[in-house]
Protein backbone atom coordinates (compact mmCIF):
# COMPACT_ATOMS: atom_id res chain seq x y z
CA UNK A 1 48.11 69.51 36.01
CA UNK A 2 44.40 70.19 35.72
CA UNK A 3 42.30 68.77 38.63
CA UNK A 4 39.23 66.60 38.93
CA UNK A 5 38.26 63.98 36.37
CA UNK A 6 41.09 61.89 34.97
CA UNK A 7 40.93 61.08 31.31
CA UNK A 8 43.48 58.50 30.31
CA UNK A 9 44.58 56.59 27.27
CA UNK A 10 46.88 53.57 27.69
CA UNK A 11 48.67 51.98 24.79
CA UNK A 12 51.38 49.47 24.40
CA UNK A 13 54.73 50.28 22.77
CA UNK A 14 57.44 47.69 22.63
CA UNK A 15 55.64 45.52 25.18
CA UNK A 16 55.47 48.25 27.79
CA UNK A 17 52.28 50.14 28.70
CA UNK A 18 52.58 53.88 28.72
CA UNK A 19 49.82 56.08 30.11
CA UNK A 20 49.01 59.51 28.78
CA UNK A 21 46.60 61.37 31.05
CA UNK A 22 44.85 64.73 30.87
CA UNK A 23 43.11 65.82 34.05
CA UNK A 24 40.19 68.21 33.96
CA UNK A 25 36.52 68.38 34.89
CA UNK A 26 34.55 66.99 31.96
CA UNK A 27 32.28 69.69 30.55
CA UNK A 28 34.34 72.57 31.85
CA UNK A 29 35.18 75.43 29.61
CA UNK A 30 38.27 77.71 29.43
CA UNK A 31 40.18 79.86 26.95
CA UNK A 32 43.47 79.81 25.01
CA UNK A 33 45.58 82.99 24.39
CA UNK A 34 49.01 83.89 23.04
CA UNK A 35 50.99 86.83 21.71
CA UNK A 36 48.09 88.27 19.56
CA UNK A 37 46.24 88.95 22.82
CA UNK A 38 49.13 90.94 24.38
CA UNK A 39 47.72 94.03 26.04
CA UNK A 40 44.12 93.07 25.30
CA UNK A 41 41.31 92.15 27.64
CA UNK A 42 41.12 88.62 28.97
CA UNK A 43 38.09 86.81 30.41
CA UNK A 44 37.24 86.65 34.02
CA UNK A 45 35.29 83.44 33.42
CA UNK A 46 36.42 79.92 32.56
CA UNK A 47 37.95 77.05 34.52
CA UNK A 48 41.38 76.96 32.85
CA UNK A 49 43.67 78.78 30.45
CA UNK A 50 46.09 77.54 27.79
CA UNK A 51 48.94 79.95 26.92
CA UNK A 52 51.14 79.98 23.84
CA UNK A 53 54.85 79.77 24.53
CA UNK A 54 56.02 80.88 21.14
CA UNK A 55 55.59 84.08 19.16
CA UNK A 56 53.87 82.24 16.24
CA UNK A 57 56.82 80.25 15.07
CA UNK A 58 59.32 77.76 16.52
CA UNK A 59 62.32 79.52 18.13
CA UNK A 60 60.41 82.69 18.98
CA UNK A 61 58.98 83.70 22.34
CA UNK A 62 55.55 85.06 23.32
CA UNK A 63 56.53 88.36 24.86
CA UNK A 64 53.44 88.26 27.15
CA UNK A 65 53.97 84.67 28.32
CA UNK A 66 54.64 85.56 31.95
CA UNK A 67 51.57 87.83 32.38
CA UNK A 68 49.21 85.49 30.41
CA UNK A 69 50.44 82.53 32.37
CA UNK A 70 49.72 84.41 35.62
CA UNK A 71 46.18 85.12 34.36
CA UNK A 72 45.60 81.45 33.48
CA UNK A 73 47.07 80.31 36.81
CA UNK A 74 44.36 82.26 38.64
CA UNK A 75 41.62 80.14 37.12
CA UNK A 76 40.14 77.21 39.08
CA UNK A 77 42.18 74.58 37.25
CA UNK A 78 45.27 76.60 36.30
CA UNK A 79 47.40 77.07 33.22
CA UNK A 80 48.61 74.80 30.48
CA UNK A 81 50.78 75.60 27.49
CA UNK A 82 51.04 75.07 23.74
CA UNK A 83 54.02 75.38 21.37
CA UNK A 84 54.44 75.88 17.61
CA UNK A 85 55.80 73.03 15.49
CA UNK A 86 57.18 72.70 12.00
CA UNK A 87 59.63 71.12 9.57
CA UNK A 88 61.19 73.77 7.34
CA UNK A 89 63.84 71.35 6.06
CA UNK A 90 67.38 72.31 5.17
CA UNK A 91 66.47 75.99 4.64
CA UNK A 92 66.29 76.25 8.44
CA UNK A 93 69.12 78.05 10.17
CA UNK A 94 67.87 76.65 13.51
CA UNK A 95 68.15 73.12 14.85
CA UNK A 96 69.09 71.48 11.46
CA UNK A 97 71.81 68.89 11.90
CA UNK A 98 74.74 68.23 9.59
CA UNK A 99 74.81 65.08 7.53
CA UNK A 100 76.24 62.08 9.42
CA UNK A 101 75.67 63.57 12.92
CA UNK A 102 73.54 62.20 15.68
CA UNK A 103 71.91 65.11 17.56
CA UNK A 104 70.21 63.12 19.07
CA UNK A 105 68.85 61.23 16.02
CA UNK A 106 71.05 60.20 13.10
CA UNK A 107 70.81 62.84 10.34
CA UNK A 108 71.96 60.98 7.22
CA UNK A 109 71.29 63.57 4.54
CA UNK A 110 70.55 67.10 5.67
CA UNK A 111 69.47 68.08 2.09
CA UNK A 112 66.75 65.38 1.85
CA UNK A 113 63.20 66.42 2.70
CA UNK A 114 62.52 62.73 3.55
CA UNK A 115 65.37 62.26 6.08
CA UNK A 116 63.59 61.37 9.39
CA UNK A 117 66.58 61.88 11.59
CA UNK A 118 67.20 65.45 10.47
CA UNK A 119 63.48 66.24 10.91
CA UNK A 120 63.42 64.58 14.33
CA UNK A 121 66.32 66.74 15.49
CA UNK A 122 64.54 69.90 14.40
CA UNK A 123 61.50 68.95 16.44
CA UNK A 124 63.65 67.87 19.38
CA UNK A 125 65.61 71.11 19.56
CA UNK A 126 62.47 73.19 18.99
CA UNK A 127 60.78 71.36 21.93
CA UNK A 128 63.84 71.99 24.11
CA UNK A 129 63.92 75.64 23.24
CA UNK A 130 60.24 76.09 23.95
CA UNK A 131 60.76 74.46 27.35
CA UNK A 132 63.63 76.76 28.05
CA UNK A 133 61.52 79.84 27.12
CA UNK A 134 58.71 78.78 29.39
CA UNK A 135 61.06 77.98 32.31
CA UNK A 136 62.81 81.32 31.98
CA UNK A 137 59.45 83.17 31.90
CA UNK A 138 57.50 81.42 34.61
CA UNK A 139 59.69 78.92 36.40
CA UNK A 140 60.38 75.21 36.56
CA UNK A 141 56.77 74.37 37.51
CA UNK A 142 55.77 74.40 33.83
CA UNK A 143 56.80 70.74 33.47
CA UNK A 144 53.89 69.77 35.80
CA UNK A 145 51.40 71.17 33.27
CA UNK A 146 49.94 69.61 30.17
CA UNK A 147 51.64 70.85 26.96
CA UNK A 148 50.15 70.84 23.42
CA UNK A 149 51.79 70.76 20.00
CA UNK A 150 50.17 73.21 17.62
CA UNK A 151 50.10 71.32 14.27
CA UNK A 152 48.74 73.57 11.57
CA UNK A 153 49.29 74.27 7.85
CA UNK A 154 50.12 77.84 8.77
CA UNK A 155 53.43 76.61 10.09
CA UNK A 156 56.41 75.63 7.91
CA UNK A 157 56.13 72.05 6.57
CA UNK A 158 58.62 71.27 3.81
CA UNK A 159 59.27 67.53 4.52
CA UNK A 160 57.59 64.38 3.41
CA UNK A 161 54.66 63.25 5.59
CA UNK A 162 56.80 60.68 7.38
CA UNK A 163 59.56 63.31 8.04
CA UNK A 164 56.95 65.82 9.28
CA UNK A 165 55.63 63.20 11.72
CA UNK A 166 59.22 62.55 12.78
CA UNK A 167 59.59 66.25 13.65
CA UNK A 168 56.51 66.04 15.83
CA UNK A 169 57.86 62.89 17.48
CA UNK A 170 61.04 64.79 18.23
CA UNK A 171 59.14 67.60 19.89
CA UNK A 172 57.15 65.17 22.04
CA UNK A 173 60.33 63.25 23.08
CA UNK A 174 62.12 66.49 23.95
CA UNK A 175 59.31 67.72 26.17
CA UNK A 176 58.98 64.28 27.88
CA UNK A 177 62.73 64.12 28.39
CA UNK A 178 62.52 67.62 29.92
CA UNK A 179 60.09 66.40 32.55
CA UNK A 180 56.67 67.13 30.97
CA UNK A 181 54.23 64.38 31.93
CA UNK A 182 51.56 64.86 29.25
CA UNK A 183 52.01 66.18 25.70
CA UNK A 184 48.94 66.46 23.48
CA UNK A 185 48.25 67.41 19.87
CA UNK A 186 46.22 70.36 18.58
CA UNK A 187 45.07 70.02 14.95
CA UNK A 188 42.15 68.94 12.64
CA UNK A 189 41.53 65.88 10.63
CA UNK A 190 42.33 67.71 7.40
CA UNK A 191 45.46 69.48 8.55
CA UNK A 192 46.82 66.40 10.27
CA UNK A 193 46.30 64.35 7.08
CA UNK A 194 48.04 66.98 4.94
CA UNK A 195 50.99 67.38 7.27
CA UNK A 196 51.63 63.75 8.39
CA UNK A 197 49.88 61.80 5.67
CA UNK A 198 47.33 60.60 8.20
CA UNK A 199 49.51 59.10 10.97
CA UNK A 200 47.21 56.99 13.15
CA UNK A 201 47.40 54.16 15.67
CA UNK A 202 46.67 51.70 12.80
CA UNK A 203 49.66 52.72 10.66
CA UNK A 204 52.12 53.98 13.33
CA UNK A 205 54.20 50.81 13.06
CA UNK A 206 54.89 51.53 9.38
CA UNK A 207 56.14 55.03 10.29
CA UNK A 208 58.37 53.69 13.12
CA UNK A 209 59.86 51.16 10.77
CA UNK A 210 60.97 53.95 8.48
CA UNK A 211 62.45 55.81 11.43
CA UNK A 212 64.24 52.85 12.98
CA UNK A 213 67.66 53.51 11.51
CA UNK A 214 67.64 57.08 12.82
CA UNK A 215 65.84 56.99 16.22
CA UNK A 216 63.40 55.13 18.47
CA UNK A 217 60.48 57.17 19.87
CA UNK A 218 60.39 57.65 23.64
CA UNK A 219 56.59 57.91 23.77
CA UNK A 220 54.00 56.79 21.19
CA UNK A 221 52.81 59.79 19.19
CA UNK A 222 49.49 58.05 18.36
CA UNK A 223 48.56 57.86 22.10
CA UNK A 224 48.86 61.60 22.73
CA UNK A 225 45.49 63.18 23.78
CA UNK A 226 43.93 65.41 21.16
CA UNK A 227 42.68 69.02 21.08
CA UNK A 228 40.41 69.58 18.05
CA UNK A 229 40.94 73.05 16.55
CA UNK A 230 38.18 75.65 16.68
CA UNK A 231 34.63 75.45 15.37
CA UNK A 232 32.15 78.26 15.58
CA UNK A 233 29.98 77.31 18.53
CA UNK A 234 30.10 75.53 21.87
CA UNK A 235 27.55 73.01 20.47
CA UNK A 236 29.76 72.30 17.45
CA UNK A 237 32.78 71.82 19.74
CA UNK A 238 30.77 69.38 21.79
CA UNK A 239 29.97 67.29 18.72
CA UNK A 240 33.57 67.38 17.70
CA UNK A 241 34.54 65.60 20.90
CA UNK A 242 33.31 62.40 19.25
CA UNK A 243 35.99 62.64 16.57
CA UNK A 244 39.64 61.65 16.42
CA UNK A 245 42.37 62.05 13.83
CA UNK A 246 44.85 59.55 15.28
CA UNK A 247 42.65 57.06 17.12
CA UNK A 248 43.53 58.62 20.52
CA UNK A 249 40.85 60.12 22.73
CA UNK A 250 39.87 63.77 22.09
CA UNK A 251 40.33 65.66 25.36
CA UNK A 252 39.57 69.22 24.25
CA UNK A 253 37.50 70.90 21.54
CA UNK A 254 37.83 74.53 20.60
CA UNK A 255 35.10 77.05 19.72
CA UNK A 256 34.61 80.79 19.28
CA UNK A 257 33.73 82.69 22.43
CA UNK A 258 33.28 86.24 21.25
CA UNK A 259 36.65 87.62 20.27
CA UNK A 260 38.55 84.85 21.98
CA UNK A 261 39.01 81.07 21.56
CA UNK A 262 36.97 79.03 23.97
CA UNK A 263 37.86 75.35 24.84
CA UNK A 264 35.55 72.57 26.09
CA UNK A 265 36.82 69.60 28.11
CA UNK A 266 35.30 66.55 26.42
CA UNK A 267 33.47 63.81 28.27
CA UNK A 268 30.28 65.60 29.38
CA UNK A 269 27.93 68.37 28.23
CA UNK A 270 29.21 71.90 28.88
CA UNK A 271 28.67 72.90 32.49
CA UNK A 272 28.41 76.54 31.60
CA UNK A 273 28.57 78.90 28.62
CA UNK A 274 31.14 81.48 29.64
CA UNK A 275 30.09 85.11 29.06
CA UNK A 276 32.67 87.33 27.51
CA UNK A 277 32.97 89.69 30.51
CA UNK A 278 36.61 90.66 30.65
CA UNK A 279 39.23 92.40 32.60
CA UNK A 280 42.35 94.12 31.29
CA UNK A 281 45.28 91.81 31.13
CA UNK A 282 48.70 92.97 32.27
CA UNK A 283 50.93 94.13 29.46
CA UNK A 284 54.63 93.70 28.87
CA UNK A 285 57.21 95.00 26.47
CA UNK A 286 59.62 92.18 27.13
CA UNK A 287 61.43 91.14 23.98
CA UNK A 288 61.38 87.48 22.83
CA UNK A 289 64.13 85.37 24.42
CA UNK A 290 65.31 83.83 21.22
CA UNK A 291 66.53 84.85 17.81
CA UNK A 292 64.47 85.27 14.72
CA UNK A 293 62.31 82.44 13.51
CA UNK A 294 63.17 80.17 10.55
CA UNK A 295 62.10 81.50 7.16
CA UNK A 296 58.59 80.28 6.35
CA UNK A 297 55.74 81.05 4.04
CA UNK A 298 53.15 82.89 6.06
CA UNK A 299 49.61 81.42 6.05
CA UNK A 300 46.35 83.32 6.16
CA UNK A 301 45.19 83.60 9.73
CA UNK A 302 43.38 86.94 9.95
CA UNK A 303 40.05 88.39 8.87
CA UNK A 304 38.98 91.80 7.80
CA UNK A 305 35.59 93.45 7.56
CA UNK A 306 34.09 94.21 4.11
CA UNK A 307 35.40 97.32 2.30
CA UNK A 308 37.70 98.17 5.17
CA UNK A 309 41.41 98.16 5.82
CA UNK A 310 42.57 94.64 5.42
CA UNK A 311 43.66 92.89 8.63
CA UNK A 312 47.44 92.33 9.22
CA UNK A 313 48.99 89.02 8.41
CA UNK A 314 50.01 88.07 11.92
CA UNK A 315 50.10 84.34 12.52
CA UNK A 316 47.42 83.95 15.16
CA UNK A 317 47.59 81.18 17.74
CA UNK A 318 45.31 78.16 17.29
CA UNK A 319 42.20 79.27 15.57
CA UNK A 320 41.91 77.15 12.51
CA UNK A 321 39.77 74.31 11.47
CA UNK A 322 39.27 72.49 8.25
CA UNK A 323 37.81 69.09 7.91
CA UNK A 324 38.41 66.30 5.34
CA UNK A 325 35.67 65.03 3.08
CA UNK A 326 36.42 67.77 0.61
CA UNK A 327 36.43 68.48 -3.02
CA UNK A 328 39.39 70.80 -2.59
CA UNK A 329 42.32 69.05 -4.25
CA UNK A 330 45.62 70.14 -2.69
CA UNK A 331 48.77 69.43 -4.66
CA UNK A 332 49.88 66.30 -2.76
CA UNK A 333 50.05 62.62 -3.37
CA UNK A 334 49.15 61.80 0.16
CA UNK A 335 45.43 61.38 1.00
CA UNK A 336 44.42 62.46 4.51
CA UNK A 337 43.67 59.38 6.58
CA UNK A 338 41.50 59.98 9.61
CA UNK A 339 39.90 57.96 12.35
CA UNK A 340 36.49 59.11 13.40
CA UNK A 341 34.18 57.90 16.13
CA UNK A 342 30.60 57.75 14.81
CA UNK A 343 28.37 60.46 16.10
CA UNK A 344 24.98 59.67 17.63
CA UNK A 345 22.27 59.20 15.02
CA UNK A 346 19.83 62.05 14.51
CA UNK A 347 16.60 62.52 12.62
CA UNK A 348 17.88 65.80 11.27
CA UNK A 349 19.08 65.81 7.58
CA UNK A 350 22.73 65.06 7.18
CA UNK A 351 24.69 68.28 6.38
CA UNK A 352 26.31 68.59 2.97
CA UNK A 353 29.21 70.48 1.58
CA UNK A 354 28.75 74.29 1.27
CA UNK A 355 28.83 76.06 -2.04
CA UNK A 356 31.75 77.94 -3.48
CA UNK A 357 32.54 81.51 -2.29
CA UNK A 358 31.31 84.11 -4.70
CA UNK A 359 32.76 87.47 -5.92
CA UNK A 360 36.35 86.40 -5.36
CA UNK A 361 38.78 89.08 -6.38
CA UNK A 362 42.53 89.56 -6.15
CA UNK A 363 44.02 93.09 -6.33
CA UNK A 364 47.44 94.67 -5.84
CA UNK A 365 47.67 96.16 -2.38
CA UNK A 366 48.89 99.84 -2.49
CA UNK A 367 51.48 99.23 0.23
CA UNK A 368 52.60 95.62 -0.10
CA UNK A 369 51.39 92.27 -1.43
CA UNK A 370 48.00 91.23 -2.76
CA UNK A 371 44.52 91.55 -1.30
CA UNK A 372 42.06 88.63 -1.66
CA UNK A 373 38.31 89.34 -1.09
CA UNK A 374 35.23 87.22 -1.41
CA UNK A 375 31.60 86.70 -0.29
CA UNK A 376 30.29 83.73 1.73
CA UNK A 377 28.50 81.10 -0.25
CA UNK A 378 24.70 81.21 -0.38
CA UNK A 379 24.56 77.44 0.27
CA UNK A 380 25.99 76.53 3.70
CA UNK A 381 25.27 72.84 3.43
CA UNK A 382 23.00 73.01 6.45
CA UNK A 383 25.77 74.12 8.91
CA UNK A 384 27.41 77.52 9.55
CA UNK A 385 30.36 78.46 7.30
CA UNK A 386 33.21 80.04 9.35
CA UNK A 387 36.44 78.89 7.77
CA UNK A 388 37.95 79.12 4.32
CA UNK A 389 40.74 77.16 2.65
CA UNK A 390 43.08 79.48 0.80
CA UNK A 391 44.93 78.01 -2.24
CA UNK A 392 47.79 79.78 -4.02
CA UNK A 393 50.03 79.04 -6.95
CA UNK A 394 52.63 80.75 -9.21
CA UNK A 395 50.86 79.55 -12.36
CA UNK A 396 47.32 79.11 -13.50
CA UNK A 397 45.79 75.81 -12.45
CA UNK A 398 48.69 75.01 -10.09
CA UNK A 399 47.20 76.20 -6.79
CA UNK A 400 47.88 74.22 -3.61
CA UNK A 401 46.65 74.67 -0.07
CA UNK A 402 48.35 77.59 1.70
CA UNK A 403 46.35 77.66 4.96
CA UNK A 404 43.02 78.29 6.58
CA UNK A 405 41.39 81.59 7.41
CA UNK A 406 38.71 82.17 10.03
CA UNK A 407 35.93 84.50 8.91
CA UNK A 408 32.25 84.43 9.99
CA UNK A 409 31.02 87.61 8.26
CA UNK A 410 29.23 87.89 4.94
CA UNK A 411 32.32 89.25 3.23
CA UNK A 412 35.93 88.40 3.96
CA UNK A 413 39.37 89.76 3.03
CA UNK A 414 42.96 88.75 3.51
CA UNK A 415 46.21 90.41 2.57
CA UNK A 416 49.03 88.15 1.32
CA UNK A 417 52.41 89.78 2.24
CA UNK A 418 54.42 86.53 2.09
CA UNK A 419 55.20 86.89 -1.66
CA UNK A 420 58.03 88.81 -3.37
CA UNK A 421 57.28 92.18 -4.92
CA UNK A 422 56.55 91.95 -8.62
CA UNK A 423 55.39 88.30 -8.60
CA UNK A 424 52.06 87.25 -10.07
CA UNK A 425 50.12 84.87 -7.87
CA UNK A 426 46.97 82.81 -8.56
CA UNK A 427 44.34 82.06 -5.88
CA UNK A 428 41.25 80.01 -5.22
CA UNK A 429 39.09 79.86 -2.10
CA UNK A 430 36.95 77.04 -0.70
CA UNK A 431 34.43 77.29 2.20
CA UNK A 432 34.27 74.93 5.15
CA UNK A 433 31.32 74.51 7.55
CA UNK A 434 30.94 73.19 11.07
CA UNK A 435 29.75 69.79 9.80
CA UNK A 436 33.33 69.05 8.64
CA UNK A 437 32.46 69.62 4.99
CA UNK A 438 34.54 71.55 2.48
CA UNK A 439 32.99 72.83 -0.71
CA UNK A 440 34.32 73.32 -4.27
CA UNK A 441 36.99 75.82 -5.15
CA UNK A 442 36.04 79.26 -6.36
CA UNK A 443 36.97 80.46 -9.84
CA UNK A 444 40.65 81.26 -10.17
CA UNK A 445 41.81 84.88 -9.72
CA UNK A 446 45.28 86.47 -9.93
CA UNK A 447 47.11 89.71 -9.29
CA UNK A 448 50.67 91.10 -9.28
CA UNK A 449 52.25 91.84 -5.93
CA UNK A 450 53.53 95.30 -5.12
């Protein structure tokens, strides 16, 4: 566990009080890394490190987990871990129960995207597998660390909001049953709303009522400490400490520290701004310890400089952020529900939504897929624009949210290789700024995949 200041949230579930605690010095900064940083330089500054267990998807392993965990363990407050999550539904060849079985929850209809027991079992076995991967790589001491669930649109979410939340509950319960004391949630207001339908402390009882015939949660999901996904600056991360998407206390807020993700422990002003002085991290060629990941639609998670070779479509460990209060209309009947703690009042003008990206084009990539390019909006809404919501559809006017791309340059590009050759895809892009405002969609563009 991290040392120093104890941040705790205590809630009641079924008449019994359960304490979730994250220990860390308030105001301290650290970094999070995973498989995309294999063989790259890692910082010599920072009080702690958070290391990805998986290789971007549930059931895969980060091949550099052991060396990156050793790097994080050398920091003042040591290493913690995060794991990927998802709910691919019956298309999954991993962890999906047969109808009528209890493994450990009752899976009534394995072909139903709304079946909470089937979804819970997927999350449960995914959590168990991630714990096994970590124990095999670095030893049994991993259960004494704080673990985080990476909840992003870039992962595979094919269930109803209630079923998706059940999958996350299963992952929490599996880690707790495996000996992990604290499990937190990494996400944003917007993504949490899209994935779970806005599960919060105020509506948790409704979700549990729908799950009751299949399982009973071991720990309340709504009390898990929160880690708010990345914004552009340390100052923006500090402001984000005042927000919450479940009603639980926000323990960590992410920001961009050069080429790496930085993380601020909430509760006090930053004690230092870490320079990006680095040292070469150990490398490894160890293969993942598990079989291939479930089939999923890849989400945009990389950036590319203007008029250059488009960046690969690797799913990068937590780097996304998109806020609600948006004019982007994803194809869903569930409205994001968020709980936000009011920020201190300020005499500065309230930020507004940014404008739409300009110059959006879609072209056939000469090797594979479709390349999407655009220019940042001229109107930022009074706050830096560093994230973009990517929407995709198979017909005009039918675009829905695919994922979130981080890009802080004047022009951005992304290559979509998750589509079959010969298919025609339609796209729109919306800009997001650090004030948690999302602007209007760009004009629609389309191209045919190679």
